[in-house]
Amino acid sequence: PLRPTLARKRAFQLAITLHRHRLAHDEWPQSLDPLVPEYLNALPLDPHDPQREPIRYRVNEGGTFTLWSVGPDGIDNGGAADPDQPSSPGEGFDLILWPLD
C-alpha cells in the first residue's frame, strides 16, 4: 500500500517543519496555516482524503502535537487512534502519523 507510506513521508517532513517553527517562535502553531509560505510552498495533502485536504494537525496538552491521516476509510475521526494498531487503523479510526509509535 503506497498511500500509508506517502502519508508517513509527508507527516515526517511536516513534523520537521513544525519543529523549525517552534524553534523560531517558541511555540507550536495553532494550525498549519502559518507554515505557508515561511517554511512550505503548500501544505502536504493527505493521500487518503477523497477531498484532497491537508494532513490533520492538533496541539495537545503537555506540549506535544499529533498529525493524522483520515486513513483508508476516508473519514476524519478527529485523530482517534485504534488502540490495538494505531499505525494501521481499522474502520472508524484515523492513521496516526505523529507521534511515531
PDB file of N, CA and C in Angstrom:
ATOM      1  N   PRO A   1       0.824  -1.197   0.000  1.00  0.00           N
ATOM      2  CA  PRO A   1       0.000   0.000   0.000  1.00  0.00           C
ATOM      3  C   PRO A   1       0.864   1.256   0.000  1.00  0.00           C
ATOM      4  N   LEU A   2       0.768   1.996  -1.056  1.00  0.00           N
ATOM      5  CA  LEU A   2       1.570   3.199  -1.233  1.00  0.00           C
ATOM      6  C   LEU A   2       1.049   4.380  -0.413  1.00  0.00           C
ATOM      7  N   ARG A   3      -0.259   4.488  -0.223  1.00  0.00           N
ATOM      8  CA  ARG A   3      -0.819   5.644   0.477  1.00  0.00           C
ATOM      9  C   ARG A   3      -0.328   5.789   1.917  1.00  0.00           C
ATOM     10  N   PRO A   4      -0.302   4.724   2.727  1.00  0.00           N
ATOM     11  CA  PRO A   4       0.221   4.898   4.094  1.00  0.00           C
ATOM     12  C   PRO A   4       1.684   5.339   4.099  1.00  0.00           C
ATOM     13  N   THR A   5       2.477   4.819   3.182  1.00  0.00           N
ATOM     14  CA  THR A   5       3.885   5.206   3.104  1.00  0.00           C
ATOM     15  C   THR A   5       4.012   6.672   2.720  1.00  0.00           C
ATOM     16  N   LEU A   6       3.246   7.117   1.745  1.00  0.00           N
ATOM     17  CA  LEU A   6       3.265   8.517   1.326  1.00  0.00           C
ATOM     18  C   LEU A   6       2.788   9.425   2.457  1.00  0.00           C
ATOM     19  N   ALA A   7       1.753   9.022   3.166  1.00  0.00           N
ATOM     20  CA  ALA A   7       1.254   9.813   4.292  1.00  0.00           C
ATOM     21  C   ALA A   7       2.325   9.942   5.372  1.00  0.00           C
ATOM     22  N   ARG A   8       3.036   8.864   5.674  1.00  0.00           N
ATOM     23  CA  ARG A   8       4.088   8.909   6.699  1.00  0.00           C
ATOM     24  C   ARG A   8       5.242   9.807   6.264  1.00  0.00           C
ATOM     25  N   LYS A   9       5.609   9.729   4.999  1.00  0.00           N
ATOM     26  CA  LYS A   9       6.684  10.577   4.480  1.00  0.00           C
ATOM     27  C   LYS A   9       6.288  12.053   4.601  1.00  0.00           C
ATOM     28  N   ARG A  10       5.088  12.385   4.197  1.00  0.00           N
ATOM     29  CA  ARG A  10       4.626  13.773   4.277  1.00  0.00           C
ATOM     30  C   ARG A  10       4.539  14.243   5.722  1.00  0.00           C
ATOM     31  N   ALA A  11       4.091  13.381   6.616  1.00  0.00           N
ATOM     32  CA  ALA A  11       3.985  13.742   8.028  1.00  0.00           C
ATOM     33  C   ALA A  11       5.361  13.953   8.645  1.00  0.00           C
ATOM     34  N   PHE A  12       6.329  13.138   8.268  1.00  0.00           N
ATOM     35  CA  PHE A  12       7.682  13.299   8.797  1.00  0.00           C
ATOM     36  C   PHE A  12       8.245  14.650   8.372  1.00  0.00           C
ATOM     37  N   GLN A  13       8.050  15.010   7.109  1.00  0.00           N
ATOM     38  CA  GLN A  13       8.504  16.316   6.621  1.00  0.00           C
ATOM     39  C   GLN A  13       7.773  17.442   7.348  1.00  0.00           C
ATOM     40  N   LEU A  14       6.495  17.251   7.591  1.00  0.00           N
ATOM     41  CA  LEU A  14       5.699  18.243   8.296  1.00  0.00           C
ATOM     42  C   LEU A  14       6.151  18.371   9.754  1.00  0.00           C
ATOM     43  N   ALA A  15       6.467  17.267  10.397  1.00  0.00           N
ATOM     44  CA  ALA A  15       6.952  17.294  11.782  1.00  0.00           C
ATOM     45  C   ALA A  15       8.257  18.078  11.880  1.00  0.00           C
ATOM     46  N   ILE A  16       9.151  17.898  10.934  1.00  0.00           N
ATOM     47  CA  ILE A  16      10.406  18.666  10.920  1.00  0.00           C
ATOM     48  C   ILE A  16      10.098  20.152  10.777  1.00  0.00           C
ATOM     49  N   THR A  17       9.168  20.487   9.888  1.00  0.00           N
ATOM     50  CA  THR A  17       8.782  21.877   9.678  1.00  0.00           C
ATOM     51  C   THR A  17       8.161  22.463  10.939  1.00  0.00           C
ATOM     52  N   LEU A  18       7.324  21.703  11.612  1.00  0.00           N
ATOM     53  CA  LEU A  18       6.726  22.170  12.867  1.00  0.00           C
ATOM     54  C   LEU A  18       7.795  22.441  13.925  1.00  0.00           C
ATOM     55  N   HIS A  19       8.794  21.579  14.002  1.00  0.00           N
ATOM     56  CA  HIS A  19       9.887  21.792  14.947  1.00  0.00           C
ATOM     57  C   HIS A  19      10.684  23.050  14.587  1.00  0.00           C
ATOM     58  N   ARG A  20      10.897  23.293  13.316  1.00  0.00           N
ATOM     59  CA  ARG A  20      11.584  24.516  12.878  1.00  0.00           C
ATOM     60  C   ARG A  20      10.785  25.751  13.304  1.00  0.00           C
ATOM     61  N   HIS A  21       9.466  25.687  13.121  1.00  0.00           N
ATOM     62  CA  HIS A  21       8.605  26.805  13.536  1.00  0.00           C
ATOM     63  C   HIS A  21       8.710  27.024  15.043  1.00  0.00           C
ATOM     64  N   ARG A  22       8.686  25.940  15.784  1.00  0.00           N
ATOM     65  CA  ARG A  22       8.752  26.074  17.245  1.00  0.00           C
ATOM     66  C   ARG A  22      10.083  26.682  17.690  1.00  0.00           C
ATOM     67  N   LEU A  23      11.163  26.293  17.046  1.00  0.00           N
ATOM     68  CA  LEU A  23      12.463  26.877  17.386  1.00  0.00           C
ATOM     69  C   LEU A  23      12.490  28.376  17.114  1.00  0.00           C
ATOM     70  N   ALA A  24      11.853  28.802  16.045  1.00  0.00           N
ATOM     71  CA  ALA A  24      11.842  30.217  15.662  1.00  0.00           C
ATOM     72  C   ALA A  24      10.851  31.049  16.466  1.00  0.00           C
ATOM     73  N   HIS A  25       9.743  30.454  16.899  1.00  0.00           N
ATOM     74  CA  HIS A  25       8.653  31.209  17.523  1.00  0.00           C
ATOM     75  C   HIS A  25       8.354  30.806  18.964  1.00  0.00           C
ATOM     76  N   ASP A  26       9.089  29.847  19.494  1.00  0.00           N
ATOM     77  CA  ASP A  26       8.937  29.387  20.887  1.00  0.00           C
ATOM     78  C   ASP A  26       7.591  28.759  21.209  1.00  0.00           C
ATOM     79  N   GLU A  27       6.858  28.333  20.181  1.00  0.00           N
ATOM     80  CA  GLU A  27       5.585  27.633  20.422  1.00  0.00           C
ATOM     81  C   GLU A  27       5.164  26.904  19.148  1.00  0.00           C
ATOM     82  N   TRP A  28       4.288  25.914  19.349  1.00  0.00           N
ATOM     83  CA  TRP A  28       3.709  25.236  18.193  1.00  0.00           C
ATOM     84  C   TRP A  28       2.661  26.164  17.583  1.00  0.00           C
ATOM     85  N   PRO A  29       2.525  26.170  16.275  1.00  0.00           N
ATOM     86  CA  PRO A  29       1.437  26.959  15.694  1.00  0.00           C
ATOM     87  C   PRO A  29       0.096  26.331  16.061  1.00  0.00           C
ATOM     88  N   GLN A  30      -0.940  27.126  16.150  1.00  0.00           N
ATOM     89  CA  GLN A  30      -2.273  26.603  16.473  1.00  0.00           C
ATOM     90  C   GLN A  30      -2.918  25.899  15.284  1.00  0.00           C
ATOM     91  N   SER A  31      -2.428  26.189  14.088  1.00  0.00           N
ATOM     92  CA  SER A  31      -2.868  25.497  12.876  1.00  0.00           C
ATOM     93  C   SER A  31      -1.649  25.363  11.971  1.00  0.00           C
ATOM     94  N   LEU A  32      -1.815  24.685  10.860  1.00  0.00           N
ATOM     95  CA  LEU A  32      -0.707  24.531   9.913  1.00  0.00           C
ATOM     96  C   LEU A  32      -0.540  25.749   9.011  1.00  0.00           C
ATOM     97  N   ASP A  33      -1.527  26.614   8.971  1.00  0.00           N
ATOM     98  CA  ASP A  33      -1.501  27.755   8.054  1.00  0.00           C
ATOM     99  C   ASP A  33      -0.259  28.639   8.165  1.00  0.00           C
ATOM    100  N   PRO A  34       0.253  28.943   9.371  1.00  0.00           N
ATOM    101  CA  PRO A  34       1.439  29.806   9.452  1.00  0.00           C
ATOM    102  C   PRO A  34       2.699  29.214   8.804  1.00  0.00           C
ATOM    103  N   LEU A  35       2.683  27.947   8.486  1.00  0.00           N
ATOM    104  CA  LEU A  35       3.864  27.323   7.872  1.00  0.00           C
ATOM    105  C   LEU A  35       4.043  27.723   6.413  1.00  0.00           C
ATOM    106  N   VAL A  36       2.955  28.210   5.800  1.00  0.00           N
ATOM    107  CA  VAL A  36       2.984  28.627   4.399  1.00  0.00           C
ATOM    108  C   VAL A  36       2.915  30.142   4.347  1.00  0.00           C
ATOM    109  N   PRO A  37       3.776  30.839   3.686  1.00  0.00           N
ATOM    110  CA  PRO A  37       4.895  30.386   2.868  1.00  0.00           C
ATOM    111  C   PRO A  37       6.244  30.416   3.582  1.00  0.00           C
ATOM    112  N   GLU A  38       6.242  30.695   4.910  1.00  0.00           N
ATOM    113  CA  GLU A  38       7.523  30.828   5.610  1.00  0.00           C
ATOM    114  C   GLU A  38       8.394  29.574   5.483  1.00  0.00           C
ATOM    115  N   TYR A  39       7.783  28.383   5.574  1.00  0.00           N
ATOM    116  CA  TYR A  39       8.553  27.146   5.529  1.00  0.00           C
ATOM    117  C   TYR A  39       8.174  26.225   4.362  1.00  0.00           C
ATOM    118  N   LEU A  40       6.940  26.288   3.922  1.00  0.00           N
ATOM    119  CA  LEU A  40       6.440  25.395   2.872  1.00  0.00           C
ATOM    120  C   LEU A  40       5.760  26.200   1.764  1.00  0.00           C
ATOM    121  N   ASN A  41       5.823  25.685   0.547  1.00  0.00           N
ATOM    122  CA  ASN A  41       5.086  26.305  -0.557  1.00  0.00           C
ATOM    123  C   ASN A  41       3.597  26.007  -0.452  1.00  0.00           C
ATOM    124  N   ALA A  42       3.270  24.837   0.069  1.00  0.00           N
ATOM    125  CA  ALA A  42       1.878  24.406   0.235  1.00  0.00           C
ATOM    126  C   ALA A  42       1.848  23.356   1.335  1.00  0.00           C
ATOM    127  N   LEU A  43       0.692  23.193   1.966  1.00  0.00           N
ATOM    128  CA  LEU A  43       0.543  22.163   2.991  1.00  0.00           C
ATOM    129  C   LEU A  43       0.494  20.785   2.338  1.00  0.00           C
ATOM    130  N   PRO A  44       1.125  19.790   2.952  1.00  0.00           N
ATOM    131  CA  PRO A  44       1.112  18.442   2.376  1.00  0.00           C
ATOM    132  C   PRO A  44      -0.286  17.817   2.455  1.00  0.00           C
ATOM    133  N   LEU A  45      -0.723  17.292   1.338  1.00  0.00           N
ATOM    134  CA  LEU A  45      -2.061  16.714   1.256  1.00  0.00           C
ATOM    135  C   LEU A  45      -2.089  15.307   1.829  1.00  0.00           C
ATOM    136  N   ASP A  46      -3.228  14.966   2.388  1.00  0.00           N
ATOM    137  CA  ASP A  46      -3.474  13.625   2.920  1.00  0.00           C
ATOM    138  C   ASP A  46      -3.817  12.710   1.739  1.00  0.00           C
ATOM    139  N   PRO A  47      -2.984  11.734   1.432  1.00  0.00           N
ATOM    140  CA  PRO A  47      -3.247  10.877   0.274  1.00  0.00           C
ATOM    141  C   PRO A  47      -4.484   9.994   0.414  1.00  0.00           C
ATOM    142  N   HIS A  48      -5.017   9.877   1.625  1.00  0.00           N
ATOM    143  CA  HIS A  48      -6.231   9.087   1.852  1.00  0.00           C
ATOM    144  C   HIS A  48      -7.509   9.910   1.711  1.00  0.00           C
ATOM    145  N   ASP A  49      -7.382  11.224   1.768  1.00  0.00           N
ATOM    146  CA  ASP A  49      -8.557  12.090   1.815  1.00  0.00           C
ATOM    147  C   ASP A  49      -9.171  12.259   0.428  1.00  0.00           C
ATOM    148  N   PRO A  50     -10.422  11.828   0.248  1.00  0.00           N
ATOM    149  CA  PRO A  50     -11.060  11.980  -1.062  1.00  0.00           C
ATOM    150  C   PRO A  50     -11.288  13.446  -1.447  1.00  0.00           C
ATOM    151  N   GLN A  51     -11.272  14.359  -0.463  1.00  0.00           N
ATOM    152  CA  GLN A  51     -11.442  15.796  -0.735  1.00  0.00           C
ATOM    153  C   GLN A  51     -10.110  16.511  -0.960  1.00  0.00           C
ATOM    154  N   ARG A  52      -8.996  15.756  -0.865  1.00  0.00           N
ATOM    155  CA  ARG A  52      -7.657  16.307  -1.078  1.00  0.00           C
ATOM    156  C   ARG A  52      -7.319  17.424  -0.080  1.00  0.00           C
ATOM    157  N   GLU A  53      -7.681  17.197   1.176  1.00  0.00           N
ATOM    158  CA  GLU A  53      -7.363  18.131   2.253  1.00  0.00           C
ATOM    159  C   GLU A  53      -5.970  17.812   2.806  1.00  0.00           C
ATOM    160  N   PRO A  54      -5.343  18.779   3.495  1.00  0.00           N
ATOM    161  CA  PRO A  54      -4.031  18.520   4.097  1.00  0.00           C
ATOM    162  C   PRO A  54      -4.095  17.488   5.220  1.00  0.00           C
ATOM    163  N   ILE A  55      -2.945  16.971   5.561  1.00  0.00           N
ATOM    164  CA  ILE A  55      -2.801  16.114   6.741  1.00  0.00           C
ATOM    165  C   ILE A  55      -3.308  16.909   7.941  1.00  0.00           C
ATOM    166  N   ARG A  56      -3.974  16.241   8.859  1.00  0.00           N
ATOM    167  CA  ARG A  56      -4.575  16.911  10.023  1.00  0.00           C
ATOM    168  C   ARG A  56      -3.534  17.112  11.125  1.00  0.00           C
ATOM    169  N   TYR A  57      -3.799  18.136  11.949  1.00  0.00           N
ATOM    170  CA  TYR A  57      -2.856  18.538  12.990  1.00  0.00           C
ATOM    171  C   TYR A  57      -3.624  19.081  14.185  1.00  0.00           C
ATOM    172  N   ARG A  58      -3.100  18.791  15.365  1.00  0.00           N
ATOM    173  CA  ARG A  58      -3.607  19.458  16.576  1.00  0.00           C
ATOM    174  C   ARG A  58      -2.480  19.542  17.596  1.00  0.00           C
ATOM    175  N   VAL A  59      -2.560  20.590  18.403  1.00  0.00           N
ATOM    176  CA  VAL A  59      -1.646  20.755  19.523  1.00  0.00           C
ATOM    177  C   VAL A  59      -2.293  20.085  20.721  1.00  0.00           C
ATOM    178  N   ASN A  60      -1.531  19.279  21.420  1.00  0.00           N
ATOM    179  CA  ASN A  60      -2.034  18.556  22.593  1.00  0.00           C
ATOM    180  C   ASN A  60      -1.590  19.248  23.873  1.00  0.00           C
ATOM    181  N   GLU A  61      -2.301  18.960  24.940  1.00  0.00           N
ATOM    182  CA  GLU A  61      -1.845  19.412  26.255  1.00  0.00           C
ATOM    183  C   GLU A  61      -0.505  18.762  26.540  1.00  0.00           C
ATOM    184  N   GLY A  62       0.347  19.453  27.247  1.00  0.00           N
ATOM    185  CA  GLY A  62       1.634  18.877  27.595  1.00  0.00           C
ATOM    186  C   GLY A  62       2.731  19.197  26.597  1.00  0.00           C
ATOM    187  N   GLY A  63       2.443  20.060  25.629  1.00  0.00           N
ATOM    188  CA  GLY A  63       3.495  20.493  24.724  1.00  0.00           C
ATOM    189  C   GLY A  63       3.837  19.548  23.592  1.00  0.00           C
ATOM    190  N   THR A  64       2.889  18.730  23.197  1.00  0.00           N
ATOM    191  CA  THR A  64       3.117  17.822  22.069  1.00  0.00           C
ATOM    192  C   THR A  64       2.096  18.132  20.965  1.00  0.00           C
ATOM    193  N   PHE A  65       2.226  17.440  19.861  1.00  0.00           N
ATOM    194  CA  PHE A  65       1.251  17.592  18.785  1.00  0.00           C
ATOM    195  C   PHE A  65       0.988  16.238  18.145  1.00  0.00           C
ATOM    196  N   THR A  66      -0.116  16.164  17.429  1.00  0.00           N
ATOM    197  CA  THR A  66      -0.489  14.949  16.708  1.00  0.00           C
ATOM    198  C   THR A  66      -0.740  15.309  15.251  1.00  0.00           C
ATOM    199  N   LEU A  67      -0.236  14.455  14.365  1.00  0.00           N
ATOM    200  CA  LEU A  67      -0.531  14.530  12.936  1.00  0.00           C
ATOM    201  C   LEU A  67      -1.251  13.252  12.566  1.00  0.00           C
ATOM    202  N   TRP A  68      -2.303  13.348  11.737  1.00  0.00           N
ATOM    203  CA  TRP A  68      -3.000  12.144  11.323  1.00  0.00           C
ATOM    204  C   TRP A  68      -3.557  12.270   9.919  1.00  0.00           C
ATOM    205  N   SER A  69      -3.795  11.109   9.353  1.00  0.00           N
ATOM    206  CA  SER A  69      -4.460  10.951   8.063  1.00  0.00           C
ATOM    207  C   SER A  69      -5.842  10.386   8.332  1.00  0.00           C
ATOM    208  N   VAL A  70      -6.783  10.678   7.421  1.00  0.00           N
ATOM    209  CA  VAL A  70      -8.118  10.112   7.591  1.00  0.00           C
ATOM    210  C   VAL A  70      -8.103   8.598   7.478  1.00  0.00           C
ATOM    211  N   GLY A  71      -7.051   8.038   6.912  1.00  0.00           N
ATOM    212  CA  GLY A  71      -6.927   6.590   6.812  1.00  0.00           C
ATOM    213  C   GLY A  71      -7.717   6.014   5.662  1.00  0.00           C
ATOM    214  N   PRO A  72      -7.650   4.703   5.512  1.00  0.00           N
ATOM    215  CA  PRO A  72      -8.254   4.032   4.366  1.00  0.00           C
ATOM    216  C   PRO A  72      -9.760   4.227   4.215  1.00  0.00           C
ATOM    217  N   ASP A  73     -10.475   4.515   5.317  1.00  0.00           N
ATOM    218  CA  ASP A  73     -11.929   4.691   5.177  1.00  0.00           C
ATOM    219  C   ASP A  73     -12.304   6.086   4.673  1.00  0.00           C
ATOM    220  N   GLY A  74     -11.317   7.017   4.592  1.00  0.00           N
ATOM    221  CA  GLY A  74     -11.555   8.342   4.052  1.00  0.00           C
ATOM    222  C   GLY A  74     -12.359   9.267   4.938  1.00  0.00           C
ATOM    223  N   ILE A  75     -12.526   8.917   6.207  1.00  0.00           N
ATOM    224  CA  ILE A  75     -13.341   9.711   7.140  1.00  0.00           C
ATOM    225  C   ILE A  75     -12.451  10.253   8.253  1.00  0.00           C
ATOM    226  N   ASP A  76     -12.549  11.552   8.506  1.00  0.00           N
ATOM    227  CA  ASP A  76     -11.789  12.162   9.591  1.00  0.00           C
ATOM    228  C   ASP A  76     -12.505  11.886  10.912  1.00  0.00           C
ATOM    229  N   ASN A  77     -11.849  11.127  11.763  1.00  0.00           N
ATOM    230  CA  ASN A  77     -12.394  10.790  13.076  1.00  0.00           C
ATOM    231  C   ASN A  77     -11.727  11.601  14.183  1.00  0.00           C
ATOM    232  N   GLY A  78     -11.206  12.771  13.820  1.00  0.00           N
ATOM    233  CA  GLY A  78     -10.639  13.682  14.814  1.00  0.00           C
ATOM    234  C   GLY A  78      -9.341  13.205  15.434  1.00  0.00           C
ATOM    235  N   GLY A  79      -8.629  12.341  14.742  1.00  0.00           N
ATOM    236  CA  GLY A  79      -7.372  11.832  15.277  1.00  0.00           C
ATOM    237  C   GLY A  79      -7.559  10.669  16.235  1.00  0.00           C
ATOM    238  N   ALA A  80      -8.700  10.012  16.153  1.00  0.00           N
ATOM    239  CA  ALA A  80      -8.962   8.852  17.016  1.00  0.00           C
ATOM    240  C   ALA A  80      -8.076   7.686  16.583  1.00  0.00           C
ATOM    241  N   ALA A  81      -7.288   7.194  17.507  1.00  0.00           N
ATOM    242  CA  ALA A  81      -6.362   6.097  17.221  1.00  0.00           C
ATOM    243  C   ALA A  81      -6.986   4.759  17.572  1.00  0.00           C
ATOM    244  N   ASP A  82      -6.740   3.785  16.734  1.00  0.00           N
ATOM    245  CA  ASP A  82      -7.133   2.411  17.030  1.00  0.00           C
ATOM    246  C   ASP A  82      -6.185   1.920  18.124  1.00  0.00           C
ATOM    247  N   PRO A  83      -6.687   1.637  19.335  1.00  0.00           N
ATOM    248  CA  PRO A  83      -5.789   1.262  20.430  1.00  0.00           C
ATOM    249  C   PRO A  83      -5.002  -0.016  20.149  1.00  0.00           C
ATOM    250  N   ASP A  84      -5.524  -0.873  19.301  1.00  0.00           N
ATOM    251  CA  ASP A  84      -4.829  -2.125  19.006  1.00  0.00           C
ATOM    252  C   ASP A  84      -3.771  -1.981  17.929  1.00  0.00           C
ATOM    253  N   GLN A  85      -3.957  -1.008  17.026  1.00  0.00           N
ATOM    254  CA  GLN A  85      -2.999  -0.818  15.943  1.00  0.00           C
ATOM    255  C   GLN A  85      -3.054   0.631  15.423  1.00  0.00           C
ATOM    256  N   PRO A  86      -2.484   1.585  16.169  1.00  0.00           N
ATOM    257  CA  PRO A  86      -2.590   2.994  15.802  1.00  0.00           C
ATOM    258  C   PRO A  86      -1.971   3.352  14.454  1.00  0.00           C
ATOM    259  N   SER A  87      -0.986   2.590  14.002  1.00  0.00           N
ATOM    260  CA  SER A  87      -0.349   2.914  12.727  1.00  0.00           C
ATOM    261  C   SER A  87      -0.957   2.135  11.566  1.00  0.00           C
ATOM    262  N   SER A  88      -1.999   1.358  11.830  1.00  0.00           N
ATOM    263  CA  SER A  88      -2.683   0.604  10.779  1.00  0.00           C
ATOM    264  C   SER A  88      -4.146   0.441  11.192  1.00  0.00           C
ATOM    265  N   PRO A  89      -4.917   1.536  11.107  1.00  0.00           N
ATOM    266  CA  PRO A  89      -6.247   1.553  11.707  1.00  0.00           C
ATOM    267  C   PRO A  89      -7.300   0.768  10.946  1.00  0.00           C
ATOM    268  N   GLY A  90      -8.275   0.360  11.689  1.00  0.00           N
ATOM    269  CA  GLY A  90      -9.464  -0.231  11.094  1.00  0.00           C
ATOM    270  C   GLY A  90     -10.493   0.857  10.836  1.00  0.00           C
ATOM    271  N   GLU A  91     -11.652   0.464  10.386  1.00  0.00           N
ATOM    272  CA  GLU A  91     -12.724   1.417  10.100  1.00  0.00           C
ATOM    273  C   GLU A  91     -13.128   2.163  11.366  1.00  0.00           C
ATOM    274  N   GLY A  92     -13.354   3.457  11.240  1.00  0.00           N
ATOM    275  CA  GLY A  92     -13.746   4.274  12.380  1.00  0.00           C
ATOM    276  C   GLY A  92     -12.576   4.885  13.123  1.00  0.00           C
ATOM    277  N   PHE A  93     -11.369   4.648  12.649  1.00  0.00           N
ATOM    278  CA  PHE A  93     -10.175   5.218  13.274  1.00  0.00           C
ATOM    279  C   PHE A  93      -9.325   5.903  12.218  1.00  0.00           C
ATOM    280  N   ASP A  94      -8.460   6.819  12.666  1.00  0.00           N
ATOM    281  CA  ASP A  94      -7.548   7.510  11.774  1.00  0.00           C
ATOM    282  C   ASP A  94      -6.161   6.883  11.832  1.00  0.00           C
ATOM    283  N   LEU A  95      -5.364   7.179  10.823  1.00  0.00           N
ATOM    284  CA  LEU A  95      -3.988   6.714  10.745  1.00  0.00           C
ATOM    285  C   LEU A  95      -3.136   7.759  11.454  1.00  0.00           C
ATOM    286  N   ILE A  96      -2.645   7.438  12.641  1.00  0.00           N
ATOM    287  CA  ILE A  96      -1.825   8.370  13.423  1.00  0.00           C
ATOM    288  C   ILE A  96      -0.407   8.353  12.844  1.00  0.00           C
ATOM    289  N   LEU A  97       0.035   9.554  12.433  1.00  0.00           N
ATOM    290  CA  LEU A  97       1.334   9.679  11.775  1.00  0.00           C
ATOM    291  C   LEU A  97       2.419  10.234  12.695  1.00  0.00           C
ATOM    292  N   TRP A  98       2.008  11.001  13.703  1.00  0.00           N
ATOM    293  CA  TRP A  98       2.950  11.568  14.672  1.00  0.00           C
ATOM    294  C   TRP A  98       2.189  11.802  15.953  1.00  0.00           C
ATOM    295  N   PRO A  99       2.662  11.413  17.081  1.00  0.00           N
ATOM    296  CA  PRO A  99       3.981  10.846  17.294  1.00  0.00           C
ATOM    297  C   PRO A  99       4.085   9.424  16.740  1.00  0.00           C
ATOM    298  N   LEU A 100       5.316   9.062  16.467  1.00  0.00           N
ATOM    299  CA  LEU A 100       5.560   7.714  15.950  1.00  0.00           C
ATOM    300  C   LEU A 100       5.339   6.703  17.063  1.00  0.00           C
ATOM    301  N   ASP A 101       4.785   5.566  16.706  1.00  0.00           N
ATOM    302  CA  ASP A 101       4.572   4.536  17.750  1.00  0.00           C
ATOM    303  C   ASP A 101       5.705   3.554  17.783  1.00  0.00           C
TER     304      ASP A 101
END
